[in-house]
Protein backbone atom coordinates (compact mmCIF):
# COMPACT_ATOMS: atom_id res chain seq x y z
CA MET A 1 81.01 63.94 107.69
CA ALA A 2 80.70 64.74 111.58
CA ALA A 3 83.28 62.09 112.31
CA PHE A 4 85.64 63.55 109.58
CA ARG A 5 85.31 66.99 111.18
CA THR A 6 86.10 65.56 114.62
CA ARG A 7 89.17 63.50 113.54
CA HIS A 8 90.67 65.99 111.34
CA LEU A 9 89.66 69.37 112.97
CA CYS A 10 93.15 70.53 113.64
CA SER A 11 94.69 69.76 110.17
CA ILE A 12 91.76 71.13 108.28
CA ALA A 13 91.23 74.17 110.40
CA ALA A 14 94.91 74.94 109.52
CA ALA A 15 94.18 75.49 105.97
CA LEU A 16 93.67 79.25 105.66
CA VAL A 17 96.39 80.30 108.17
CA LEU A 18 98.54 79.98 105.25
CA THR A 19 97.98 83.57 104.63
CA VAL A 20 100.21 84.28 107.59
CA THR A 21 102.42 81.16 108.16
CA ALA A 22 103.05 79.97 104.68
CA PRO A 23 105.60 82.57 103.72
CA ALA A 24 107.72 81.68 106.91
CA THR A 25 107.32 77.91 106.23
CA ALA A 26 108.47 78.33 102.65
CA ALA A 27 111.28 80.72 103.78
CA THR A 28 112.67 77.92 105.90
CA ALA A 29 112.63 75.49 103.17
CA VAL A 30 114.57 77.87 101.09
CA THR A 31 116.83 78.95 103.69
CA SER A 32 118.03 75.43 104.48
CA ALA A 33 118.83 75.06 100.71
CA GLY A 34 121.26 77.91 100.75
CA ALA A 35 120.88 80.76 103.22
CA ALA A 36 123.84 82.62 102.01
CA ALA A 37 122.74 82.73 98.65
CA GLN A 38 119.42 84.15 98.87
CA ARG A 39 117.43 87.13 100.18
CA GLU A 40 113.71 87.44 101.23
CA VAL A 41 111.63 89.83 99.14
CA LEU A 42 108.06 90.82 98.40
CA LEU A 43 106.82 89.99 95.03
CA VAL A 44 104.13 92.46 93.68
CA ALA A 45 102.03 91.32 90.81
CA ASN A 46 101.29 94.40 88.52
CA ASN A 47 98.28 92.87 86.82
CA TRP A 48 97.73 95.30 83.90
CA ASP A 49 101.31 95.88 83.43
CA GLY A 50 102.55 92.20 82.88
CA THR A 51 105.38 92.96 85.30
CA ALA A 52 106.31 92.03 88.84
CA ASP A 53 108.18 94.38 91.14
CA VAL A 54 110.42 92.84 93.76
CA ILE A 55 111.01 94.89 96.79
CA GLU A 56 112.62 94.52 100.21
CA SER A 57 110.41 92.52 102.46
CA SER A 58 110.50 94.85 105.41
CA GLY A 59 112.26 98.03 106.64
CA ASP A 60 111.98 100.64 103.76
CA PHE A 61 110.50 98.32 101.39
CA ALA A 62 112.73 99.69 98.52
CA LYS A 63 112.47 98.45 95.13
CA ILE A 64 115.11 95.73 94.06
CA GLY A 65 114.26 94.94 90.59
CA ARG A 66 111.35 94.26 88.02
CA ILE A 67 110.52 91.07 86.05
CA ASN A 68 108.63 90.93 82.64
CA VAL A 69 106.08 88.13 83.22
CA ILE A 70 104.86 88.20 79.58
CA PRO A 71 108.21 87.88 77.65
CA ASP A 72 106.28 85.60 75.12
CA LYS A 73 103.46 88.12 74.76
CA ASP A 74 103.86 88.20 70.98
CA GLN A 75 103.45 84.48 70.49
CA ARG A 76 100.44 84.23 73.04
CA MET A 77 98.68 87.00 71.04
CA ALA A 78 99.40 85.40 67.67
CA GLU A 79 97.78 82.29 69.09
CA ILE A 80 94.74 84.06 70.34
CA ASN A 81 94.12 86.09 67.14
CA ALA A 82 94.20 83.02 65.30
CA ASP A 83 91.46 81.36 67.32
CA PRO A 84 87.94 83.07 67.17
CA ILE A 85 86.84 81.34 70.48
CA ARG A 86 90.14 82.30 72.45
CA TRP A 87 89.92 85.83 71.09
CA VAL A 88 86.26 86.22 72.19
CA ALA A 89 87.38 84.82 75.82
CA PHE A 90 90.46 87.39 75.65
CA MET A 91 88.25 90.31 74.80
CA THR A 92 85.63 89.25 77.42
CA ILE A 93 88.20 89.16 80.29
CA ARG A 94 89.41 92.75 79.08
CA ASN A 95 86.04 94.20 79.17
CA SER A 96 84.64 92.57 82.39
CA VAL A 97 86.98 91.53 85.24
CA GLY A 98 89.82 93.38 83.51
CA GLU A 99 87.98 96.80 83.69
CA GLY A 100 88.93 97.69 80.17
CA HIS A 101 92.54 96.21 80.59
CA ASP A 102 94.25 92.95 79.93
CA GLN A 103 94.98 90.83 82.86
CA PHE A 104 98.58 89.68 82.49
CA VAL A 105 99.32 88.44 86.14
CA ASP A 106 97.09 87.69 89.05
CA ASP A 107 99.19 85.60 91.42
CA MET A 108 102.84 84.69 91.86
CA TYR A 109 105.37 82.76 93.98
CA SER A 110 109.01 82.05 93.82
CA THR A 111 110.43 78.57 93.70
CA PRO A 112 112.23 77.09 96.87
CA ASP A 113 115.86 77.74 95.35
CA GLY A 114 114.72 81.24 94.36
CA SER A 115 115.60 80.92 90.73
CA SER A 116 112.40 81.40 89.27
CA VAL A 117 108.84 82.89 89.68
CA VAL A 118 105.88 80.97 88.79
CA VAL A 119 103.00 83.41 87.67
CA SER A 120 99.16 82.86 86.76
CA ARG A 121 98.26 84.93 83.79
CA PRO A 122 94.44 85.33 83.53
CA SER A 123 94.22 86.80 79.93
CA PHE A 124 96.62 83.98 78.63
CA ALA A 125 94.78 81.36 80.49
CA ASP A 126 97.96 79.86 81.77
CA VAL A 127 100.78 79.44 84.52
CA VAL A 128 104.28 80.10 83.45
CA SER A 129 107.62 79.95 85.20
CA ILE A 130 110.16 82.70 84.68
CA ASN A 131 113.74 82.46 85.17
CA VAL A 132 114.48 85.47 87.32
CA ALA A 133 118.17 85.71 86.11
CA THR A 134 117.53 85.58 82.39
CA GLY A 135 113.93 86.61 82.08
CA ALA A 136 113.24 83.66 80.07
CA VAL A 137 110.12 81.20 80.24
CA ASN A 138 111.18 77.87 81.93
CA TRP A 139 107.78 76.12 81.24
CA ARG A 140 104.19 76.98 80.46
CA PHE A 141 100.96 75.14 81.48
CA PRO A 142 97.71 76.25 79.73
CA VAL A 143 94.76 75.75 82.15
CA SER A 144 91.47 74.27 81.20
CA GLY A 145 88.89 76.85 80.03
CA TYR A 146 89.88 80.32 79.38
CA ARG A 147 91.21 82.06 82.47
CA SER A 148 93.72 81.34 85.20
CA ASP A 149 93.33 83.00 88.63
CA HIS A 150 94.54 82.74 92.31
CA MET A 151 97.36 80.24 93.22
CA ALA A 152 98.64 78.54 96.38
CA VAL A 153 102.00 76.77 97.01
CA SER A 154 102.31 73.88 99.22
CA PRO A 155 104.35 74.18 102.50
CA ASP A 156 107.33 72.36 101.20
CA GLY A 157 107.42 74.60 98.17
CA THR A 158 107.07 71.79 95.64
CA ARG A 159 103.48 72.17 94.30
CA VAL A 160 101.50 75.07 93.20
CA ALA A 161 97.72 74.99 92.94
CA VAL A 162 95.99 77.35 90.37
CA SER A 163 92.34 78.09 89.92
CA ALA A 164 91.06 77.73 86.31
CA SER A 165 88.00 79.87 86.87
CA THR A 166 85.91 79.22 83.66
CA SER A 167 86.13 75.55 83.99
CA ASN A 168 85.43 75.20 87.62
CA THR A 169 88.69 73.35 88.06
CA VAL A 170 91.98 73.42 90.16
CA HIS A 171 95.21 72.26 88.75
CA VAL A 172 98.10 71.13 90.92
CA LEU A 173 101.39 71.32 89.25
CA ASP A 174 105.08 70.50 90.15
CA ILE A 175 106.44 73.96 90.78
CA ASN A 176 109.86 73.07 89.09
CA THR A 177 108.56 71.32 85.85
CA GLY A 178 105.01 72.52 85.46
CA LYS A 179 104.06 68.90 85.11
CA GLN A 180 100.33 68.26 86.28
CA LEU A 181 100.15 66.13 89.38
CA GLY A 182 96.46 66.19 89.78
CA SER A 183 93.16 68.30 89.24
CA TYR A 184 89.71 68.50 90.95
CA SER A 185 86.43 69.97 90.37
CA THR A 186 85.06 72.86 92.44
CA GLY A 187 81.99 75.13 92.76
CA ASP A 188 81.48 77.97 90.24
CA LYS A 189 84.64 80.22 89.72
CA PRO A 190 87.35 78.87 91.90
CA HIS A 191 89.25 81.78 93.42
CA GLU A 192 91.51 81.43 96.52
CA ASN A 193 93.43 78.07 97.04
CA ILE A 194 95.03 77.39 100.40
CA PHE A 195 97.12 74.38 101.58
CA THR A 196 96.94 73.20 105.10
CA LYS A 197 100.10 73.53 107.18
CA ASP A 198 100.86 69.75 106.95
CA GLY A 199 100.39 69.81 103.06
CA LYS A 200 97.64 67.06 103.27
CA TYR A 201 94.63 69.03 102.19
CA ILE A 202 93.65 72.00 99.82
CA TRP A 203 90.78 74.34 100.38
CA THR A 204 89.33 76.20 97.43
CA MET A 205 86.86 78.91 97.72
CA SER A 206 84.43 79.46 94.80
CA ILE A 207 82.97 82.78 94.52
CA GLY A 208 80.51 82.39 91.77
CA ASP A 209 79.76 84.85 88.86
CA VAL A 210 81.09 88.40 89.94
CA ASN A 211 80.64 89.99 86.50
CA THR A 212 76.99 90.38 86.31
CA ALA A 213 74.74 93.22 87.28
CA LEU A 214 72.20 91.09 89.03
CA ASP A 215 73.70 92.29 92.45
CA ALA A 216 70.56 92.94 94.48
CA PRO A 217 70.20 90.50 97.58
CA TRP A 218 67.03 88.88 96.07
CA LEU A 219 69.13 87.95 93.05
CA ASP A 220 71.83 86.34 94.78
CA TRP A 221 70.76 82.91 93.74
CA THR A 222 71.91 83.85 90.20
CA LYS A 223 75.56 84.10 91.36
CA GLY A 224 76.05 80.16 91.09
CA ASP A 225 77.36 77.60 93.37
CA ARG A 226 79.58 79.25 95.85
CA ARG A 227 81.18 76.89 98.37
CA ILE A 228 84.45 75.90 99.99
CA THR A 229 85.76 72.70 98.55
CA VAL A 230 88.46 70.60 100.79
CA VAL A 231 90.24 67.96 98.90
CA ASP A 232 92.85 65.38 99.76
CA ALA A 233 96.08 66.85 98.46
CA THR A 234 97.62 63.59 97.50
CA THR A 235 94.57 61.83 95.84
CA TYR A 236 92.75 65.15 94.94
CA GLN A 237 89.43 63.64 95.91
CA GLN A 238 86.95 65.68 97.69
CA VAL A 239 86.57 65.05 101.59
CA LYS A 240 84.44 68.07 102.53
CA VAL A 241 82.32 70.95 101.44
CA ILE A 242 81.34 74.00 103.37
CA ASP A 243 78.56 76.40 102.14
CA MET A 244 78.39 79.56 104.30
CA ARG A 245 74.94 80.21 103.14
CA GLN A 246 73.31 78.08 106.02
CA ARG A 247 75.82 79.61 108.58
CA LEU A 248 74.80 83.20 107.57
CA ASP A 249 71.07 82.27 107.48
CA ALA A 250 71.31 80.79 110.93
CA ILE A 251 72.22 84.24 112.31
CA GLY A 252 69.63 86.21 110.40
CA LEU A 253 71.84 87.46 107.62
CA THR A 254 69.79 86.03 104.73
CA ASP A 255 70.79 89.11 102.44
CA TYR A 256 74.32 88.57 102.81
CA SER A 257 76.51 86.97 100.21
CA ASP A 258 78.17 83.65 100.95
CA ALA A 259 80.92 84.20 98.47
CA VAL A 260 83.83 83.83 100.73
CA ARG A 261 86.86 86.06 99.61
CA PRO A 262 90.23 86.61 101.47
CA ALA A 263 90.21 84.71 105.01
CA VAL A 264 92.76 83.92 107.49
CA PHE A 265 92.83 81.63 110.66
CA SER A 266 93.92 82.53 114.22
CA PRO A 267 97.11 81.09 115.30
CA ASP A 268 95.47 78.43 117.35
CA GLU A 269 93.42 77.58 114.31
CA SER A 270 90.17 77.68 116.26
CA LYS A 271 88.58 80.74 114.40
CA LEU A 272 88.37 81.60 110.78
CA TYR A 273 88.03 85.28 109.82
CA PHE A 274 86.67 85.88 106.22
CA GLN A 275 85.39 88.62 103.92
CA VAL A 276 82.34 88.05 101.57
CA SER A 277 81.14 89.93 98.48
CA PHE A 278 79.45 93.26 98.90
CA PHE A 279 80.10 93.59 102.57
CA ASN A 280 82.26 96.34 104.31
CA GLY A 281 83.49 94.06 107.06
CA PHE A 282 84.36 90.57 108.07
CA PHE A 283 83.08 87.70 109.92
CA GLU A 284 84.49 85.31 112.70
CA TYR A 285 83.73 81.69 112.38
CA ASP A 286 84.22 79.21 115.12
CA ILE A 287 85.53 75.77 113.78
CA ALA A 288 84.58 73.55 116.77
CA THR A 289 80.96 74.62 116.73
CA ASP A 290 80.69 75.29 112.95
CA LYS A 291 79.17 78.70 113.52
CA ILE A 292 79.62 82.17 112.71
CA THR A 293 80.23 83.81 116.16
CA ARG A 294 80.92 87.53 115.37
CA THR A 295 80.47 89.91 112.75
CA LYS A 296 82.53 93.06 112.42
CA THR A 297 81.06 95.94 110.27
CA LEU A 298 83.62 98.54 109.18
CA PRO A 299 82.94 102.29 108.47
CA LYS A 300 81.72 103.13 104.94
CA ASN A 301 83.33 105.99 103.03
CA PRO A 302 80.59 108.49 102.50
CA ALA A 303 82.09 109.15 99.04
CA THR A 304 81.51 105.51 98.14
CA SER A 305 78.13 104.58 96.50
CA ASP A 306 76.17 101.82 98.04
CA ASP A 307 75.11 100.81 94.67
CA ARG A 308 76.32 97.46 94.43
CA THR A 309 76.89 97.34 90.65
CA THR A 310 79.51 99.93 91.07
CA PHE A 311 81.62 97.60 93.25
CA VAL A 312 84.59 96.00 91.41
CA ASN A 313 83.98 92.23 90.89
CA ASP A 314 81.38 92.40 93.74
CA SER A 315 84.24 93.42 96.17
CA ARG A 316 83.43 96.07 98.75
CA HIS A 317 86.36 94.88 100.98
CA HIS A 318 88.96 92.50 99.55
CA GLY A 319 92.14 91.85 101.49
CA LEU A 320 92.77 90.32 104.93
CA SER A 321 95.83 89.40 106.93
CA MET A 322 96.74 88.81 110.49
CA SER A 323 99.90 89.67 112.52
CA PRO A 324 102.03 86.78 113.54
CA ASP A 325 100.83 86.84 117.12
CA GLY A 326 97.16 86.86 116.18
CA SER A 327 96.53 90.00 118.16
CA LYS A 328 95.59 92.15 115.18
CA LEU A 329 93.80 91.83 111.68
CA CYS A 330 94.49 94.06 108.72
CA VAL A 331 91.69 94.97 106.32
CA ALA A 332 91.83 96.26 102.88
CA GLY A 333 88.76 98.20 102.35
CA THR A 334 88.75 98.16 98.63
CA MET A 335 85.79 100.35 97.53
CA ASP A 336 85.97 102.52 100.63
CA ASP A 337 89.56 103.62 99.93
CA TYR A 338 91.13 102.82 103.29
CA ALA A 339 92.99 100.13 105.11
CA THR A 340 92.83 99.63 108.79
CA VAL A 341 94.24 97.42 111.65
CA VAL A 342 91.56 95.83 113.79
CA ASN A 343 92.11 94.39 117.38
CA ARG A 344 91.15 90.72 117.23
CA THR A 345 89.97 90.63 120.92
CA THR A 346 87.58 93.67 120.83
CA LEU A 347 87.14 93.93 117.03
CA GLN A 348 87.87 97.68 117.57
CA GLU A 349 89.44 99.22 114.30
CA GLY A 350 92.33 101.67 114.51
CA PRO A 351 92.87 104.65 112.39
CA LEU A 352 91.45 104.50 108.76
CA VAL A 353 94.55 104.78 106.45
CA THR A 354 93.75 106.28 103.21
CA ALA A 355 94.49 104.04 100.24
CA SER A 356 93.40 104.06 96.89
CA LYS A 357 91.27 100.84 95.95
CA PRO A 358 93.47 98.49 98.13
CA TYR A 359 93.01 94.97 96.85
CA TRP A 360 95.09 92.71 98.76
CA ALA A 361 96.76 92.52 102.34
CA THR A 362 99.85 90.46 103.40
CA VAL A 363 102.35 90.51 106.13
CA SER A 364 105.98 91.75 105.94
CA GLY A 365 108.95 89.52 106.24
CA ASP A 366 109.71 90.76 109.79
CA GLY A 367 105.92 90.35 110.75
CA LYS A 368 105.68 94.05 112.05
CA SER A 369 103.60 95.59 109.21
CA CYS A 370 100.62 94.81 107.05
CA VAL A 371 101.49 95.50 103.27
CA VAL A 372 98.51 96.48 101.10
CA SER A 373 98.49 96.83 97.38
CA GLU A 374 96.79 100.14 96.30
CA SER A 375 95.55 99.19 92.89
CA GLY A 376 94.27 102.53 92.14
CA ALA A 377 97.44 104.52 93.01
CA ASP A 378 99.85 101.97 91.66
CA GLN A 379 101.73 101.44 94.96
CA VAL A 380 101.94 99.40 97.99
CA THR A 381 101.74 100.78 101.47
CA ALA A 382 103.02 99.25 104.76
CA ILE A 383 100.90 99.86 107.95
CA ASP A 384 102.37 99.23 111.41
CA PHE A 385 100.47 96.54 113.28
CA ALA A 386 101.22 97.98 116.64
CA THR A 387 99.95 101.54 115.80
CA GLY A 388 97.73 101.23 113.06
CA ARG A 389 99.68 103.94 111.14
CA LYS A 390 101.15 104.15 107.84
CA VAL A 391 104.84 103.51 107.66
CA VAL A 392 105.71 104.07 104.06
CA SER A 393 104.27 103.80 100.42
CA VAL A 394 106.29 102.36 97.52
CA PRO A 395 105.61 103.04 93.72
CA VAL A 396 105.10 99.85 91.76
CA GLY A 397 103.68 99.05 88.23
CA ASP A 398 100.20 99.39 86.87
CA HIS A 399 97.27 97.90 89.11
CA PRO A 400 99.19 95.97 91.83
CA GLN A 401 97.19 93.04 93.19
CA ARG A 402 98.59 89.96 94.85
CA VAL A 403 101.60 90.38 97.08
CA ARG A 404 103.60 87.44 98.27
CA LEU A 405 106.79 86.65 100.19
CA GLY A 406 109.46 85.05 98.17
CA HIS A 407 113.16 84.76 97.60
CA VAL A 408 115.75 85.65 94.92
CA ALA A 409 119.54 85.43 94.75
CA ALA A 410 121.15 87.66 97.27
CA ASP A 411 122.80 89.72 94.62
CA TRP A 412 119.85 89.72 92.16
CA THR A 413 118.80 93.15 90.91
CA GLY A 414 116.87 92.06 87.71
CA PRO A 415 116.98 89.97 84.70
CA GLY A 416 120.33 90.12 82.89
CA ASN A 417 122.02 92.23 85.63
């Protein structure tokens, strides 16, 4: 394993940098196919709505149009109501991770030609492709088990990896046809999936069971097998496993969760910054030495209870992105109701920008802003990387979560328009 780490350090370490660099890579592929016909946008997944808002990728972030990502809802509900086991699973999602709501869209990406969006729909346990011009379903792939979750798109835009969280499986699909190209096993509850920049490897973060009330540090062992699984993206065979438990224990943080949530690599791919369950802050991990080198604890909101059972899905802070030049990190302080820009050299945070349960952070198309989804206020908010100050907030649908860069036709304003 040590030999593998040495030989493939650069390509493996590139994995999570997709959070910053993949949108630009995808944009290059799309642009080369027809620059004059497309526009870059931000896709906002409105989880409880079953819609996706399409907004400008920078500037004023104005709304362009909206896509219904559950046009087949009646058919899916009829199938669920006819199957007692699926109905129980559907209701379990609603009453646990869904906080009393159905989870109709978790993650989404556009196809390279900008003609469709591919959406993971947790409550329907599937992935669908929606034609953005007509609103019709192009294809549907039911995942194994009873819930779909985070996705990732390969650098060339041709493959999409989706977590099937209840079956501990990741499916890799052809983004244009929905045909499964391969699958692989993971730890418990696979969550985030990330391709390396060269498309040769996929990293999957398993976060374990986040829906129990067994949240005390001494009960951490009940949360399951939480690890990073690295697979070959051609054969889908496991090539490496990383468990942050040992790395945290080595620096005396035995009471901290090892469930890796959002993460991002530095531009030179030597450092990994990542969040874990229950923690108001993030860690810096050095790839070459295989050690956690710095811990950043961010301020707590005095109004936020320290009772871990009150944290949504074990997330105190959930959302992390980095400016293209690597000088700033942007953190979504989910349960503490703020977002902040952090200097990567000093780890000093900037102003705490008030935000209502921000649950994701991404980078604007021009690279100047961090964009966070405020799931508690049904809006997305742009924060200037240079000043750390709020730029603008834009209303979106019910409970926005993932926000991704994508493309649509240059004159697109919505299905049927």
